Protein backbone atom coordinates (compact mmCIF):
# COMPACT_ATOMS: atom_id res chain seq x y z
CA MET A 1 -86.43 188.06 26.91
CA ARG A 2 -87.91 184.98 25.29
CA GLN A 3 -84.33 183.90 24.62
CA ILE A 4 -83.53 184.38 28.30
CA ILE A 5 -86.47 182.27 29.40
CA ALA A 6 -85.75 179.56 26.83
CA ALA A 7 -82.10 179.40 27.86
CA LEU A 8 -82.98 179.44 31.56
CA SER A 9 -85.63 176.75 31.17
CA VAL A 10 -83.18 174.44 29.41
CA LEU A 11 -80.44 175.19 31.91
CA LEU A 12 -82.67 174.80 34.95
CA ALA A 13 -84.45 171.75 33.56
CA VAL A 14 -81.09 170.02 33.20
CA ALA A 15 -79.61 171.32 36.45
CA THR A 16 -82.62 171.14 38.75
CA PRO A 17 -85.69 169.56 37.18
CA THR A 18 -87.82 169.72 40.31
CA ALA A 19 -87.03 173.40 40.91
CA TRP A 20 -88.29 174.44 37.46
CA ALA A 21 -91.38 172.28 37.15
CA GLY A 22 -94.72 173.70 38.20
CA GLN A 23 -93.64 177.21 39.15
CA PHE A 24 -96.95 178.88 38.55
CA LYS A 25 -100.05 179.75 40.49
CA GLU A 26 -103.59 179.68 39.16
CA VAL A 27 -105.38 182.66 40.67
CA GLY A 28 -108.92 183.13 39.39
CA GLU A 29 -108.74 183.76 35.63
CA LEU A 30 -104.97 184.21 35.74
CA GLU A 31 -102.03 181.86 35.50
CA VAL A 32 -99.00 183.52 37.07
CA HIS A 33 -95.62 182.01 36.21
CA TYR A 34 -92.67 182.90 38.42
CA ASN A 35 -89.03 182.02 38.74
CA THR A 36 -86.21 183.06 41.06
CA LEU A 37 -82.51 182.51 40.39
CA SER A 38 -79.05 184.01 40.69
CA THR A 39 -78.21 186.75 38.21
CA THR A 40 -75.04 184.79 37.35
CA PHE A 41 -77.25 182.52 35.22
CA LEU A 42 -77.65 185.43 32.79
CA THR A 43 -75.05 185.92 30.10
CA PRO A 44 -73.08 189.18 30.34
CA GLU A 45 -74.79 190.38 27.14
CA ILE A 46 -78.31 189.76 28.43
CA ALA A 47 -77.48 191.33 31.81
CA GLN A 48 -76.12 194.42 30.07
CA GLN A 49 -79.14 194.63 27.74
CA TYR A 50 -81.53 194.73 30.71
CA ASP A 51 -79.22 196.69 33.06
CA ILE A 52 -78.92 193.80 35.53
CA THR A 53 -75.87 193.42 37.77
CA ARG A 54 -74.47 189.89 37.54
CA SER A 55 -73.39 188.70 40.97
CA GLY A 56 -73.53 185.56 43.04
CA TYR A 57 -75.17 187.72 45.69
CA ARG A 58 -77.99 189.08 43.48
CA GLY A 59 -81.22 187.26 42.81
CA LEU A 60 -83.64 187.78 39.94
CA VAL A 61 -87.41 187.38 40.12
CA ASN A 62 -89.21 186.87 36.80
CA ILE A 63 -93.02 186.93 36.56
CA ALA A 64 -95.37 186.45 33.60
CA VAL A 65 -99.16 186.74 33.78
CA LEU A 66 -101.33 184.72 31.41
CA ASP A 67 -105.06 185.13 30.77
CA THR A 68 -106.72 181.70 31.03
CA MET A 69 -110.02 183.08 29.70
CA GLN A 70 -108.54 183.73 26.24
CA LEU A 71 -107.65 181.11 23.65
CA GLY A 72 -103.98 180.18 23.92
CA LYS A 73 -103.57 181.87 27.33
CA PRO A 74 -101.83 185.01 26.04
CA ALA A 75 -99.54 187.10 28.22
CA ILE A 76 -101.23 190.21 29.58
CA ALA A 77 -100.02 193.41 31.18
CA ALA A 78 -100.19 193.85 34.94
CA GLU A 79 -99.07 196.19 37.67
CA ILE A 80 -96.86 194.09 39.92
CA THR A 81 -95.51 194.93 43.34
CA GLY A 82 -93.79 192.69 45.80
CA GLN A 83 -91.67 192.26 48.87
CA VAL A 84 -88.90 189.85 49.76
CA LYS A 85 -88.31 188.98 53.40
CA ASN A 86 -85.63 186.85 55.02
CA LEU A 87 -86.27 184.52 57.95
CA VAL A 88 -85.43 187.14 60.59
CA GLY A 89 -88.00 189.50 59.10
CA ASN A 90 -85.85 191.99 57.17
CA SER A 91 -88.06 193.10 54.29
CA ARG A 92 -87.31 194.87 51.01
CA GLU A 93 -89.56 196.12 48.25
CA LEU A 94 -89.12 194.60 44.81
CA ASP A 95 -88.99 197.11 41.96
CA PHE A 96 -90.40 195.35 38.89
CA THR A 97 -89.57 196.40 35.33
CA GLU A 98 -91.81 195.42 32.44
CA VAL A 99 -90.15 193.75 29.45
CA ARG A 100 -92.02 193.21 26.17
CA GLU A 101 -90.76 191.10 23.30
CA GLY A 102 -93.30 190.31 20.64
CA ASP A 103 -96.32 188.80 22.36
CA ALA A 104 -94.37 188.05 25.54
CA ILE A 105 -94.66 190.28 28.61
CA TYR A 106 -92.39 189.71 31.63
CA TYR A 107 -91.75 191.53 34.86
CA ILE A 108 -88.30 191.33 36.41
CA ALA A 109 -86.82 192.57 39.68
CA THR A 110 -83.51 191.96 41.42
CA PHE A 111 -82.66 191.71 45.10
CA ALA A 112 -79.57 191.34 47.30
CA ALA A 113 -79.18 187.80 48.62
CA ASP A 114 -77.07 185.80 51.05
CA ASP A 115 -75.88 182.21 50.69
CA GLU A 116 -78.21 179.51 51.99
CA GLU A 117 -80.80 182.09 53.05
CA THR A 118 -84.48 181.29 52.65
CA TYR A 119 -86.57 184.16 51.38
CA ARG A 120 -90.32 184.63 51.47
CA PHE A 121 -91.78 186.49 48.53
CA HIS A 122 -95.13 188.24 48.55
CA ILE A 123 -96.42 189.29 45.14
CA ASP A 124 -99.46 191.51 44.43
CA LEU A 125 -100.71 192.13 40.93
CA ASN A 126 -103.47 193.97 39.16
CA ALA A 127 -103.89 192.57 35.64
CA GLU A 128 -105.82 193.95 32.68
CA GLY A 129 -109.54 193.96 33.38
CA ASN A 130 -108.96 194.98 37.02
CA ARG A 131 -108.21 191.39 38.05
CA ASN A 132 -106.28 191.36 41.32
CA ALA A 133 -104.24 188.53 42.75
CA SER A 134 -101.75 187.91 45.53
CA PHE A 135 -99.55 184.96 46.32
CA ASP A 136 -96.55 183.97 48.40
CA TYR A 137 -93.71 181.58 47.81
CA ASN A 138 -90.41 180.65 49.43
CA TYR A 139 -87.03 180.30 47.78
CA THR A 140 -83.70 179.22 49.27
CA PHE A 141 -80.86 181.10 47.63
CA TYR A 142 -77.43 179.57 47.06
CA VAL A 143 -74.55 181.81 46.03
CA ASP A 144 -73.17 180.87 42.64
CA ALA A 145 -69.54 181.77 43.24
CA PRO A 146 -67.05 181.65 40.35
């Protein structure tokens, strides 16, 4: 997964520097990093490894929770739930899967998406130490058609 994030950060930093920068929320003792993108940004091998359908009409949400109270802000485990809602109010639950690679812990979920649709995400989490947090963010999805 670290390879995915490294590749995505390079790709997104080159393609859309303002979209990648600063995508985290500081909530109490936690730093929650999040990213949303089309699953077509994943290589076929990575998508297969994590059982993700690559499609211009599928989005991917990636969340990592860091503990700001520990030296080096290590990644920590959390229970994450969330919803995605379009502008007319249609809401769907996000089903997050935990991915661990070395010291890294990520939570990923996919969702069906339409071109040029703005989505509102609501994320709830309960991190180690019974630390709860919630936050919202918006993302406008653009279909990445071949």
